[in-house]
Full PDB file with SEQRES, HELIX, SHEET, SSBOND, CRYST1, ORIGX, SCALE, CONECT and MASTER records, all heavy atoms in Angstrom:
SEQRES   1 A   42  HIS ILE ASP LYS PHE GLY VAL GLY PRO GLU ARG MET MET          
SEQRES   2 A   42  PHE LEU VAL ASN LYS MET THR ALA ASP SER PRO LEU SER          
SEQRES   3 A   42  GLN GLU ILE LEU GLN ARG THR MET GLY VAL LYS ALA THR          
SEQRES   4 A   42  ILE MET GLY                                                  
HELIX    1 AA1 ILE A    2  PHE A    5  5                                   4    
HELIX    2 AA2 GLN A   27  MET A   34  1                                   8    
SHEET    1 AA1 2 MET A  13  PHE A  14  0                                        
SHEET    2 AA1 2 THR A  39  ILE A  40  1                                        
CRYST1    1.000    1.000    1.000  90.00  90.00  90.00 P 1           1          
ORIGX1      1.000000  0.000000  0.000000        0.00000                         
ORIGX2      0.000000  1.000000  0.000000        0.00000                         
ORIGX3      0.000000  0.000000  1.000000        0.00000                         
SCALE1      1.000000  0.000000  0.000000        0.00000                         
SCALE2      0.000000  1.000000  0.000000        0.00000                         
SCALE3      0.000000  0.000000  1.000000        0.00000                         
ATOM      1  N   HIS A   1       1.589   5.882  -9.380  1.00  0.00           N  
ATOM      2  CA  HIS A   1       0.387   5.823 -10.174  1.00  0.00           C  
ATOM      3  C   HIS A   1      -0.778   6.279  -9.324  1.00  0.00           C  
ATOM      4  O   HIS A   1      -1.808   7.012  -9.771  1.00  0.00           O  
ATOM      5  CB  HIS A   1       0.188   4.578 -10.834  1.00  0.00           C  
ATOM      6  CG  HIS A   1       1.044   4.452 -12.119  1.00  0.00           C  
ATOM      7  ND1 HIS A   1       1.110   5.271 -13.159  1.00  0.00           N  
ATOM      8  CD2 HIS A   1       2.009   3.478 -12.263  1.00  0.00           C  
ATOM      9  CE1 HIS A   1       2.052   4.914 -13.907  1.00  0.00           C  
ATOM     10  NE2 HIS A   1       2.557   3.858 -13.547  1.00  0.00           N  
ATOM     11  N   ILE A   2      -0.756   5.940  -8.051  1.00  0.00           N  
ATOM     12  CA  ILE A   2      -1.845   6.310  -7.112  1.00  0.00           C  
ATOM     13  C   ILE A   2      -2.004   7.854  -7.037  1.00  0.00           C  
ATOM     14  O   ILE A   2      -3.064   8.350  -6.926  1.00  0.00           O  
ATOM     15  CB  ILE A   2      -1.577   5.717  -5.712  1.00  0.00           C  
ATOM     16  CG1 ILE A   2      -1.929   4.281  -5.651  1.00  0.00           C  
ATOM     17  CG2 ILE A   2      -2.332   6.511  -4.551  1.00  0.00           C  
ATOM     18  CD1 ILE A   2      -1.641   3.529  -4.380  1.00  0.00           C  
ATOM     19  N   ASP A   3      -0.867   8.493  -7.127  1.00  0.00           N  
ATOM     20  CA  ASP A   3      -0.892  10.040  -6.997  1.00  0.00           C  
ATOM     21  C   ASP A   3      -1.833  10.630  -8.121  1.00  0.00           C  
ATOM     22  O   ASP A   3      -2.384  11.752  -7.909  1.00  0.00           O  
ATOM     23  CB  ASP A   3       0.542  10.636  -7.178  1.00  0.00           C  
ATOM     24  CG  ASP A   3       1.298  10.432  -5.901  1.00  0.00           C  
ATOM     25  OD1 ASP A   3       0.695  10.110  -4.888  1.00  0.00           O  
ATOM     26  OD2 ASP A   3       2.594  10.444  -6.026  1.00  0.00           O  
ATOM     27  N   LYS A   4      -1.896   9.884  -9.334  1.00  0.00           N  
ATOM     28  CA  LYS A   4      -2.746  10.458 -10.426  1.00  0.00           C  
ATOM     29  C   LYS A   4      -4.175  10.605  -9.998  1.00  0.00           C  
ATOM     30  O   LYS A   4      -4.890  11.326 -10.605  1.00  0.00           O  
ATOM     31  CB  LYS A   4      -2.610   9.536 -11.652  1.00  0.00           C  
ATOM     32  CG  LYS A   4      -1.256   9.459 -12.236  1.00  0.00           C  
ATOM     33  CD  LYS A   4      -1.205   8.499 -13.420  1.00  0.00           C  
ATOM     34  CE  LYS A   4       0.104   8.379 -14.081  1.00  0.00           C  
ATOM     35  NZ  LYS A   4       0.089   7.466 -15.071  1.00  0.00           N  
ATOM     36  N   PHE A   5      -4.684   9.813  -9.060  1.00  0.00           N  
ATOM     37  CA  PHE A   5      -6.113   9.735  -8.674  1.00  0.00           C  
ATOM     38  C   PHE A   5      -6.448  10.915  -7.794  1.00  0.00           C  
ATOM     39  O   PHE A   5      -7.577  11.419  -7.684  1.00  0.00           O  
ATOM     40  CB  PHE A   5      -6.387   8.469  -7.939  1.00  0.00           C  
ATOM     41  CG  PHE A   5      -6.535   7.274  -8.902  1.00  0.00           C  
ATOM     42  CD1 PHE A   5      -5.453   6.552  -9.358  1.00  0.00           C  
ATOM     43  CD2 PHE A   5      -7.852   6.921  -9.395  1.00  0.00           C  
ATOM     44  CE1 PHE A   5      -5.662   5.501 -10.307  1.00  0.00           C  
ATOM     45  CE2 PHE A   5      -7.971   5.789 -10.131  1.00  0.00           C  
ATOM     46  CZ  PHE A   5      -6.871   5.181 -10.688  1.00  0.00           C  
ATOM     47  N   GLY A   6      -5.422  11.506  -7.142  1.00  0.00           N  
ATOM     48  CA  GLY A   6      -5.730  12.789  -6.350  1.00  0.00           C  
ATOM     49  C   GLY A   6      -6.710  12.602  -5.136  1.00  0.00           C  
ATOM     50  O   GLY A   6      -7.333  13.522  -4.698  1.00  0.00           O  
ATOM     51  N   VAL A   7      -6.870  11.422  -4.584  1.00  0.00           N  
ATOM     52  CA  VAL A   7      -7.547  11.070  -3.409  1.00  0.00           C  
ATOM     53  C   VAL A   7      -6.746  10.549  -2.328  1.00  0.00           C  
ATOM     54  O   VAL A   7      -5.716   9.903  -2.672  1.00  0.00           O  
ATOM     55  CB  VAL A   7      -8.788  10.215  -3.636  1.00  0.00           C  
ATOM     56  CG1 VAL A   7      -9.790  10.945  -4.597  1.00  0.00           C  
ATOM     57  CG2 VAL A   7      -8.462   8.930  -4.226  1.00  0.00           C  
ATOM     58  N   GLY A   8      -7.121  10.638  -1.095  1.00  0.00           N  
ATOM     59  CA  GLY A   8      -6.272  10.022  -0.009  1.00  0.00           C  
ATOM     60  C   GLY A   8      -6.678   8.712   0.356  1.00  0.00           C  
ATOM     61  O   GLY A   8      -7.480   8.077  -0.245  1.00  0.00           O  
ATOM     62  N   PRO A   9      -6.254   8.252   1.537  1.00  0.00           N  
ATOM     63  CA  PRO A   9      -6.514   6.850   2.010  1.00  0.00           C  
ATOM     64  C   PRO A   9      -8.017   6.662   2.384  1.00  0.00           C  
ATOM     65  O   PRO A   9      -8.414   5.490   2.401  1.00  0.00           O  
ATOM     66  CB  PRO A   9      -5.766   6.812   3.360  1.00  0.00           C  
ATOM     67  CG  PRO A   9      -4.660   7.924   3.273  1.00  0.00           C  
ATOM     68  CD  PRO A   9      -5.301   8.965   2.387  1.00  0.00           C  
ATOM     69  N   GLU A  10      -8.814   7.746   2.442  1.00  0.00           N  
ATOM     70  CA  GLU A  10     -10.209   7.545   2.698  1.00  0.00           C  
ATOM     71  C   GLU A  10     -10.964   6.881   1.499  1.00  0.00           C  
ATOM     72  O   GLU A  10     -11.954   6.128   1.679  1.00  0.00           O  
ATOM     73  CB  GLU A  10     -10.861   8.759   3.052  1.00  0.00           C  
ATOM     74  CG  GLU A  10     -10.892   9.964   2.095  1.00  0.00           C  
ATOM     75  CD  GLU A  10      -9.696  10.671   1.816  1.00  0.00           C  
ATOM     76  OE1 GLU A  10      -8.687  10.438   2.531  1.00  0.00           O  
ATOM     77  OE2 GLU A  10      -9.627  11.434   0.818  1.00  0.00           O  
ATOM     78  N   ARG A  11     -10.394   7.000   0.175  1.00  0.00           N  
ATOM     79  CA  ARG A  11     -11.051   6.539  -0.913  1.00  0.00           C  
ATOM     80  C   ARG A  11     -10.072   5.570  -1.788  1.00  0.00           C  
ATOM     81  O   ARG A  11     -10.528   5.032  -2.699  1.00  0.00           O  
ATOM     82  CB  ARG A  11     -11.687   7.496  -1.638  1.00  0.00           C  
ATOM     83  CG  ARG A  11     -12.801   8.287  -1.016  1.00  0.00           C  
ATOM     84  CD  ARG A  11     -14.045   8.503  -1.797  1.00  0.00           C  
ATOM     85  NE  ARG A  11     -13.885   8.882  -3.110  1.00  0.00           N  
ATOM     86  CZ  ARG A  11     -13.769  10.203  -3.493  1.00  0.00           C  
ATOM     87  NH1 ARG A  11     -13.830  11.082  -2.579  1.00  0.00           N  
ATOM     88  NH2 ARG A  11     -13.686  10.536  -4.707  1.00  0.00           N  
ATOM     89  N   MET A  12      -8.848   5.506  -1.365  1.00  0.00           N  
ATOM     90  CA  MET A  12      -7.832   4.650  -2.118  1.00  0.00           C  
ATOM     91  C   MET A  12      -7.422   3.605  -1.134  1.00  0.00           C  
ATOM     92  O   MET A  12      -7.021   3.705   0.017  1.00  0.00           O  
ATOM     93  CB  MET A  12      -6.679   5.571  -2.413  1.00  0.00           C  
ATOM     94  CG  MET A  12      -5.555   4.825  -3.057  1.00  0.00           C  
ATOM     95  SD  MET A  12      -5.924   4.081  -4.751  1.00  0.00           S  
ATOM     96  CE  MET A  12      -6.067   5.516  -5.832  1.00  0.00           C  
ATOM     97  N   MET A  13      -7.541   2.339  -1.640  1.00  0.00           N  
ATOM     98  CA  MET A  13      -7.130   1.200  -0.942  1.00  0.00           C  
ATOM     99  C   MET A  13      -6.028   0.617  -1.710  1.00  0.00           C  
ATOM    100  O   MET A  13      -5.785   0.690  -2.880  1.00  0.00           O  
ATOM    101  CB  MET A  13      -8.295   0.199  -0.707  1.00  0.00           C  
ATOM    102  CG  MET A  13      -9.300   0.780   0.169  1.00  0.00           C  
ATOM    103  SD  MET A  13     -10.801  -0.337   0.266  1.00  0.00           S  
ATOM    104  CE  MET A  13     -11.698   0.371  -1.262  1.00  0.00           C  
ATOM    105  N   PHE A  14      -5.160  -0.217  -0.910  1.00  0.00           N  
ATOM    106  CA  PHE A  14      -4.041  -0.924  -1.511  1.00  0.00           C  
ATOM    107  C   PHE A  14      -3.857  -2.240  -0.997  1.00  0.00           C  
ATOM    108  O   PHE A  14      -4.080  -2.580   0.194  1.00  0.00           O  
ATOM    109  CB  PHE A  14      -2.700  -0.097  -1.208  1.00  0.00           C  
ATOM    110  CG  PHE A  14      -1.496  -0.784  -1.673  1.00  0.00           C  
ATOM    111  CD1 PHE A  14      -1.093  -0.800  -2.968  1.00  0.00           C  
ATOM    112  CD2 PHE A  14      -0.641  -1.267  -0.672  1.00  0.00           C  
ATOM    113  CE1 PHE A  14       0.164  -1.351  -3.349  1.00  0.00           C  
ATOM    114  CE2 PHE A  14       0.520  -1.899  -1.077  1.00  0.00           C  
ATOM    115  CZ  PHE A  14       0.880  -1.977  -2.369  1.00  0.00           C  
ATOM    116  N   LEU A  15      -3.567  -3.279  -1.858  1.00  0.00           N  
ATOM    117  CA  LEU A  15      -3.097  -4.544  -1.442  1.00  0.00           C  
ATOM    118  C   LEU A  15      -2.043  -5.127  -2.270  1.00  0.00           C  
ATOM    119  O   LEU A  15      -1.760  -4.652  -3.400  1.00  0.00           O  
ATOM    120  CB  LEU A  15      -4.358  -5.504  -1.535  1.00  0.00           C  
ATOM    121  CG  LEU A  15      -4.900  -5.869  -2.745  1.00  0.00           C  
ATOM    122  CD1 LEU A  15      -4.326  -7.088  -3.364  1.00  0.00           C  
ATOM    123  CD2 LEU A  15      -6.473  -6.142  -2.546  1.00  0.00           C  
ATOM    124  N   VAL A  16      -1.389  -6.160  -1.768  1.00  0.00           N  
ATOM    125  CA  VAL A  16      -0.260  -6.753  -2.378  1.00  0.00           C  
ATOM    126  C   VAL A  16      -0.616  -8.134  -2.826  1.00  0.00           C  
ATOM    127  O   VAL A  16      -1.232  -8.978  -1.922  1.00  0.00           O  
ATOM    128  CB  VAL A  16       1.027  -6.782  -1.534  1.00  0.00           C  
ATOM    129  CG1 VAL A  16       2.093  -7.576  -2.266  1.00  0.00           C  
ATOM    130  CG2 VAL A  16       1.579  -5.487  -1.222  1.00  0.00           C  
ATOM    131  N   ASN A  17      -0.424  -8.626  -3.998  1.00  0.00           N  
ATOM    132  CA  ASN A  17      -0.851  -9.864  -4.502  1.00  0.00           C  
ATOM    133  C   ASN A  17       0.419 -10.654  -4.725  1.00  0.00           C  
ATOM    134  O   ASN A  17       1.553 -10.121  -5.018  1.00  0.00           O  
ATOM    135  CB  ASN A  17      -1.624  -9.700  -5.849  1.00  0.00           C  
ATOM    136  CG  ASN A  17      -2.421 -10.878  -6.278  1.00  0.00           C  
ATOM    137  OD1 ASN A  17      -2.608 -11.784  -5.398  1.00  0.00           O  
ATOM    138  ND2 ASN A  17      -2.829 -10.995  -7.501  1.00  0.00           N  
ATOM    139  N   LYS A  18       0.233 -12.008  -4.746  1.00  0.00           N  
ATOM    140  CA  LYS A  18       1.315 -12.898  -5.006  1.00  0.00           C  
ATOM    141  C   LYS A  18       2.501 -12.726  -4.154  1.00  0.00           C  
ATOM    142  O   LYS A  18       3.642 -12.727  -4.363  1.00  0.00           O  
ATOM    143  CB  LYS A  18       1.754 -12.862  -6.430  1.00  0.00           C  
ATOM    144  CG  LYS A  18       0.711 -13.073  -7.451  1.00  0.00           C  
ATOM    145  CD  LYS A  18       1.213 -13.024  -8.894  1.00  0.00           C  
ATOM    146  CE  LYS A  18       0.088 -13.275  -9.924  1.00  0.00           C  
ATOM    147  NZ  LYS A  18       0.593 -13.144 -11.264  1.00  0.00           N  
ATOM    148  N   MET A  19       2.157 -12.625  -2.684  1.00  0.00           N  
ATOM    149  CA  MET A  19       3.252 -12.263  -1.698  1.00  0.00           C  
ATOM    150  C   MET A  19       3.847 -13.785  -1.358  1.00  0.00           C  
ATOM    151  O   MET A  19       3.316 -14.775  -1.315  1.00  0.00           O  
ATOM    152  CB  MET A  19       2.592 -11.881  -0.412  1.00  0.00           C  
ATOM    153  CG  MET A  19       3.396 -11.558   0.617  1.00  0.00           C  
ATOM    154  SD  MET A  19       4.480 -10.078   0.241  1.00  0.00           S  
ATOM    155  CE  MET A  19       4.410  -9.171   1.627  1.00  0.00           C  
ATOM    156  N   THR A  20       5.209 -13.604  -1.450  1.00  0.00           N  
ATOM    157  CA  THR A  20       6.129 -14.784  -1.049  1.00  0.00           C  
ATOM    158  C   THR A  20       6.846 -14.659   0.216  1.00  0.00           C  
ATOM    159  O   THR A  20       7.040 -13.473   0.714  1.00  0.00           O  
ATOM    160  CB  THR A  20       7.009 -15.080  -2.288  1.00  0.00           C  
ATOM    161  OG1 THR A  20       7.792 -13.817  -2.357  1.00  0.00           O  
ATOM    162  CG2 THR A  20       6.356 -15.275  -3.578  1.00  0.00           C  
ATOM    163  N   ALA A  21       7.260 -15.798   0.775  1.00  0.00           N  
ATOM    164  CA  ALA A  21       7.893 -15.664   1.988  1.00  0.00           C  
ATOM    165  C   ALA A  21       9.244 -14.977   1.897  1.00  0.00           C  
ATOM    166  O   ALA A  21       9.727 -14.268   2.872  1.00  0.00           O  
ATOM    167  CB  ALA A  21       8.160 -17.170   2.475  1.00  0.00           C  
ATOM    168  N   ASP A  22       9.841 -14.915   0.603  1.00  0.00           N  
ATOM    169  CA  ASP A  22      11.180 -14.225   0.609  1.00  0.00           C  
ATOM    170  C   ASP A  22      11.026 -12.787   0.077  1.00  0.00           C  
ATOM    171  O   ASP A  22      12.009 -12.156  -0.301  1.00  0.00           O  
ATOM    172  CB  ASP A  22      12.078 -15.084  -0.472  1.00  0.00           C  
ATOM    173  CG  ASP A  22      11.582 -15.225  -1.801  1.00  0.00           C  
ATOM    174  OD1 ASP A  22      10.329 -14.885  -2.027  1.00  0.00           O  
ATOM    175  OD2 ASP A  22      12.291 -15.688  -2.727  1.00  0.00           O  
ATOM    176  N   SER A  23       9.814 -12.301   0.015  1.00  0.00           N  
ATOM    177  CA  SER A  23       9.665 -11.000  -0.522  1.00  0.00           C  
ATOM    178  C   SER A  23      10.278  -9.981   0.496  1.00  0.00           C  
ATOM    179  O   SER A  23      10.155 -10.291   1.782  1.00  0.00           O  
ATOM    180  CB  SER A  23       8.182 -10.576  -0.510  1.00  0.00           C  
ATOM    181  OG  SER A  23       7.915  -9.189  -0.744  1.00  0.00           O  
ATOM    182  N   PRO A  24      10.866  -8.905   0.066  1.00  0.00           N  
ATOM    183  CA  PRO A  24      11.480  -7.914   0.859  1.00  0.00           C  
ATOM    184  C   PRO A  24      10.490  -7.054   1.616  1.00  0.00           C  
ATOM    185  O   PRO A  24      10.845  -6.269   2.465  1.00  0.00           O  
ATOM    186  CB  PRO A  24      12.317  -6.984  -0.117  1.00  0.00           C  
ATOM    187  CG  PRO A  24      11.721  -7.124  -1.342  1.00  0.00           C  
ATOM    188  CD  PRO A  24      11.076  -8.525  -1.409  1.00  0.00           C  
ATOM    189  N   LEU A  25       9.231  -7.105   1.233  1.00  0.00           N  
ATOM    190  CA  LEU A  25       8.059  -6.211   1.898  1.00  0.00           C  
ATOM    191  C   LEU A  25       7.763  -6.787   3.201  1.00  0.00           C  
ATOM    192  O   LEU A  25       7.764  -7.892   3.452  1.00  0.00           O  
ATOM    193  CB  LEU A  25       7.014  -6.241   0.994  1.00  0.00           C  
ATOM    194  CG  LEU A  25       7.105  -5.784  -0.483  1.00  0.00           C  
ATOM    195  CD1 LEU A  25       5.769  -6.035  -1.185  1.00  0.00           C  
ATOM    196  CD2 LEU A  25       7.497  -4.244  -0.450  1.00  0.00           C  
ATOM    197  N   SER A  26       7.629  -5.768   4.111  1.00  0.00           N  
ATOM    198  CA  SER A  26       7.117  -6.091   5.447  1.00  0.00           C  
ATOM    199  C   SER A  26       6.025  -5.178   5.782  1.00  0.00           C  
ATOM    200  O   SER A  26       5.690  -4.172   4.992  1.00  0.00           O  
ATOM    201  CB  SER A  26       8.263  -5.886   6.483  1.00  0.00           C  
ATOM    202  OG  SER A  26       8.520  -4.520   6.551  1.00  0.00           O  
ATOM    203  N   GLN A  27       5.080  -5.300   6.762  1.00  0.00           N  
ATOM    204  CA  GLN A  27       4.145  -4.474   7.071  1.00  0.00           C  
ATOM    205  C   GLN A  27       4.653  -3.075   7.254  1.00  0.00           C  
ATOM    206  O   GLN A  27       4.023  -2.025   7.021  1.00  0.00           O  
ATOM    207  CB  GLN A  27       3.346  -5.013   8.430  1.00  0.00           C  
ATOM    208  CG  GLN A  27       2.112  -4.235   8.679  1.00  0.00           C  
ATOM    209  CD  GLN A  27       1.078  -4.383   7.469  1.00  0.00           C  
ATOM    210  OE1 GLN A  27       1.042  -5.415   6.901  1.00  0.00           O  
ATOM    211  NE2 GLN A  27       0.287  -3.330   7.204  1.00  0.00           N  
ATOM    212  N   GLU A  28       5.870  -2.923   8.070  1.00  0.00           N  
ATOM    213  CA  GLU A  28       6.550  -1.599   8.310  1.00  0.00           C  
ATOM    214  C   GLU A  28       6.839  -0.834   7.049  1.00  0.00           C  
ATOM    215  O   GLU A  28       6.559   0.212   6.864  1.00  0.00           O  
ATOM    216  CB  GLU A  28       7.780  -1.840   9.089  1.00  0.00           C  
ATOM    217  CG  GLU A  28       8.404  -0.624   9.428  1.00  0.00           C  
ATOM    218  CD  GLU A  28       9.924  -0.763  10.128  1.00  0.00           C  
ATOM    219  OE1 GLU A  28      10.056  -1.965  10.757  1.00  0.00           O  
ATOM    220  OE2 GLU A  28      10.558   0.191  10.039  1.00  0.00           O  
ATOM    221  N   ILE A  29       7.393  -1.686   5.973  1.00  0.00           N  
ATOM    222  CA  ILE A  29       7.801  -0.913   4.764  1.00  0.00           C  
ATOM    223  C   ILE A  29       6.493  -0.532   4.040  1.00  0.00           C  
ATOM    224  O   ILE A  29       6.392   0.553   3.448  1.00  0.00           O  
ATOM    225  CB  ILE A  29       8.732  -1.987   3.864  1.00  0.00           C  
ATOM    226  CG1 ILE A  29       9.993  -2.098   4.453  1.00  0.00           C  
ATOM    227  CG2 ILE A  29       8.678  -1.511   2.354  1.00  0.00           C  
ATOM    228  CD1 ILE A  29      10.827  -3.222   3.752  1.00  0.00           C  
ATOM    229  N   LEU A  30       5.386  -1.392   3.985  1.00  0.00           N  
ATOM    230  CA  LEU A  30       4.297  -1.061   3.372  1.00  0.00           C  
ATOM    231  C   LEU A  30       3.604   0.240   4.038  1.00  0.00           C  
ATOM    232  O   LEU A  30       3.198   1.124   3.223  1.00  0.00           O  
ATOM    233  CB  LEU A  30       3.247  -2.146   3.398  1.00  0.00           C  
ATOM    234  CG  LEU A  30       3.608  -3.449   2.465  1.00  0.00           C  
ATOM    235  CD1 LEU A  30       2.603  -4.569   2.745  1.00  0.00           C  
ATOM    236  CD2 LEU A  30       3.549  -3.042   0.964  1.00  0.00           C  
ATOM    237  N   GLN A  31       3.625   0.225   5.250  1.00  0.00           N  
ATOM    238  CA  GLN A  31       3.031   1.410   5.952  1.00  0.00           C  
ATOM    239  C   GLN A  31       3.830   2.617   5.740  1.00  0.00           C  
ATOM    240  O   GLN A  31       3.206   3.793   5.423  1.00  0.00           O  
ATOM    241  CB  GLN A  31       3.059   1.083   7.551  1.00  0.00           C  
ATOM    242  CG  GLN A  31       2.097   2.068   8.212  1.00  0.00           C  
ATOM    243  CD  GLN A  31       0.727   2.092   7.803  1.00  0.00           C  
ATOM    244  OE1 GLN A  31       0.056   0.970   7.682  1.00  0.00           O  
ATOM    245  NE2 GLN A  31       0.063   3.274   7.553  1.00  0.00           N  
ATOM    246  N   ARG A  32       5.140   2.545   5.649  1.00  0.00           N  
ATOM    247  CA  ARG A  32       6.035   3.652   5.450  1.00  0.00           C  
ATOM    248  C   ARG A  32       5.804   4.191   4.035  1.00  0.00           C  
ATOM    249  O   ARG A  32       5.830   5.511   3.706  1.00  0.00           O  
ATOM    250  CB  ARG A  32       7.460   3.406   5.679  1.00  0.00           C  
ATOM    251  CG  ARG A  32       8.304   4.583   5.775  1.00  0.00           C  
ATOM    252  CD  ARG A  32       9.800   4.197   6.100  1.00  0.00           C  
ATOM    253  NE  ARG A  32      10.450   3.360   5.284  1.00  0.00           N  
ATOM    254  CZ  ARG A  32      10.811   2.200   5.728  1.00  0.00           C  
ATOM    255  NH1 ARG A  32      10.701   1.783   6.933  1.00  0.00           N  
ATOM    256  NH2 ARG A  32      11.456   1.357   4.833  1.00  0.00           N  
ATOM    257  N   THR A  33       5.765   3.337   3.040  1.00  0.00           N  
ATOM    258  CA  THR A  33       5.769   3.766   1.597  1.00  0.00           C  
ATOM    259  C   THR A  33       4.218   4.133   1.233  1.00  0.00           C  
ATOM    260  O   THR A  33       4.093   4.999   0.374  1.00  0.00           O  
ATOM    261  CB  THR A  33       6.213   2.641   0.744  1.00  0.00           C  
ATOM    262  OG1 THR A  33       5.577   1.452   0.826  1.00  0.00           O  
ATOM    263  CG2 THR A  33       7.815   2.442   0.950  1.00  0.00           C  
ATOM    264  N   MET A  34       3.308   3.436   1.664  1.00  0.00           N  
ATOM    265  CA  MET A  34       1.922   3.550   1.117  1.00  0.00           C  
ATOM    266  C   MET A  34       0.906   4.083   2.123  1.00  0.00           C  
ATOM    267  O   MET A  34      -0.123   4.542   1.671  1.00  0.00           O  
ATOM    268  CB  MET A  34       1.428   2.198   0.644  1.00  0.00           C  
ATOM    269  CG  MET A  34       2.253   1.466  -0.387  1.00  0.00           C  
ATOM    270  SD  MET A  34       2.316   2.482  -1.876  1.00  0.00           S  
ATOM    271  CE  MET A  34       0.679   2.263  -2.569  1.00  0.00           C  
ATOM    272  N   GLY A  35       1.193   4.082   3.382  1.00  0.00           N  
ATOM    273  CA  GLY A  35       0.225   4.504   4.366  1.00  0.00           C  
ATOM    274  C   GLY A  35      -0.437   5.852   4.305  1.00  0.00           C  
ATOM    275  O   GLY A  35      -1.538   5.957   4.643  1.00  0.00           O  
ATOM    276  N   VAL A  36       0.428   6.859   3.766  1.00  0.00           N  
ATOM    277  CA  VAL A  36      -0.275   8.295   3.691  1.00  0.00           C  
ATOM    278  C   VAL A  36      -0.946   8.362   2.329  1.00  0.00           C  
ATOM    279  O   VAL A  36      -1.711   9.243   2.230  1.00  0.00           O  
ATOM    280  CB  VAL A  36       1.048   9.275   3.672  1.00  0.00           C  
ATOM    281  CG1 VAL A  36       1.636   9.352   5.056  1.00  0.00           C  
ATOM    282  CG2 VAL A  36       1.840   9.171   2.483  1.00  0.00           C  
ATOM    283  N   LYS A  37      -0.868   7.369   1.467  1.00  0.00           N  
ATOM    284  CA  LYS A  37      -1.567   7.501   0.166  1.00  0.00           C  
ATOM    285  C   LYS A  37      -2.747   6.582   0.119  1.00  0.00           C  
ATOM    286  O   LYS A  37      -3.676   6.835  -0.611  1.00  0.00           O  
ATOM    287  CB  LYS A  37      -0.499   7.107  -0.997  1.00  0.00           C  
ATOM    288  CG  LYS A  37       0.643   8.120  -1.043  1.00  0.00           C  
ATOM    289  CD  LYS A  37       1.512   7.685  -2.155  1.00  0.00           C  
ATOM    290  CE  LYS A  37       2.643   8.709  -2.222  1.00  0.00           C  
ATOM    291  NZ  LYS A  37       2.214  10.078  -2.659  1.00  0.00           N  
ATOM    292  N   ALA A  38      -2.809   5.506   0.857  1.00  0.00           N  
ATOM    293  CA  ALA A  38      -3.904   4.514   0.821  1.00  0.00           C  
ATOM    294  C   ALA A  38      -4.086   3.700   1.982  1.00  0.00           C  
ATOM    295  O   ALA A  38      -3.199   3.730   2.800  1.00  0.00           O  
ATOM    296  CB  ALA A  38      -3.519   3.496  -0.504  1.00  0.00           C  
ATOM    297  N   THR A  39      -5.211   3.163   2.256  1.00  0.00           N  
ATOM    298  CA  THR A  39      -5.503   2.381   3.256  1.00  0.00           C  
ATOM    299  C   THR A  39      -4.963   0.996   2.907  1.00  0.00           C  
ATOM    300  O   THR A  39      -5.387   0.316   1.840  1.00  0.00           O  
ATOM    301  CB  THR A  39      -7.033   2.231   3.626  1.00  0.00           C  
ATOM    302  OG1 THR A  39      -7.432   3.543   4.012  1.00  0.00           O  
ATOM    303  CG2 THR A  39      -7.179   1.342   4.742  1.00  0.00           C  
ATOM    304  N   ILE A  40      -4.076   0.427   3.537  1.00  0.00           N  
ATOM    305  CA  ILE A  40      -3.487  -0.984   3.332  1.00  0.00           C  
ATOM    306  C   ILE A  40      -4.374  -2.000   3.834  1.00  0.00           C  
ATOM    307  O   ILE A  40      -4.681  -2.128   4.965  1.00  0.00           O  
ATOM    308  CB  ILE A  40      -2.179  -1.051   3.948  1.00  0.00           C  
ATOM    309  CG1 ILE A  40      -1.125   0.061   3.347  1.00  0.00           C  
ATOM    310  CG2 ILE A  40      -1.504  -2.482   3.559  1.00  0.00           C  
ATOM    311  CD1 ILE A  40       0.139   0.241   4.179  1.00  0.00           C  
ATOM    312  N   MET A  41      -4.955  -2.637   2.826  1.00  0.00           N  
ATOM    313  CA  MET A  41      -5.956  -3.771   3.122  1.00  0.00           C  
ATOM    314  C   MET A  41      -5.295  -4.966   3.494  1.00  0.00           C  
ATOM    315  O   MET A  41      -5.900  -5.818   4.235  1.00  0.00           O  
ATOM    316  CB  MET A  41      -6.962  -4.061   1.947  1.00  0.00           C  
ATOM    317  CG  MET A  41      -7.645  -2.709   1.519  1.00  0.00           C  
ATOM    318  SD  MET A  41      -8.484  -1.918   2.825  1.00  0.00           S  
ATOM    319  CE  MET A  41      -9.852  -3.093   3.233  1.00  0.00           C  
ATOM    320  N   GLY A  42      -4.194  -5.369   3.039  1.00  0.00           N  
ATOM    321  CA  GLY A  42      -3.433  -6.665   3.340  1.00  0.00           C  
ATOM    322  C   GLY A  42      -2.731  -7.206   2.201  1.00  0.00           C  
ATOM    323  O   GLY A  42      -2.435  -6.518   1.275  1.00  0.00           O  
TER     324      GLY A  42                                                      
MASTER        0    0    0    2    2    0    0    6  323    1    0    4          
END                                                                             
């Protein structure tokens, strides 16, 4: 859905809500999947 906005990480930010200890997400996965599309805020 971020692609619909047509802007890059300079104006698109991203965060993950409701993070749990057993989530499969890591900083590396977030950077690889979202880093070119948005600035990862945390």
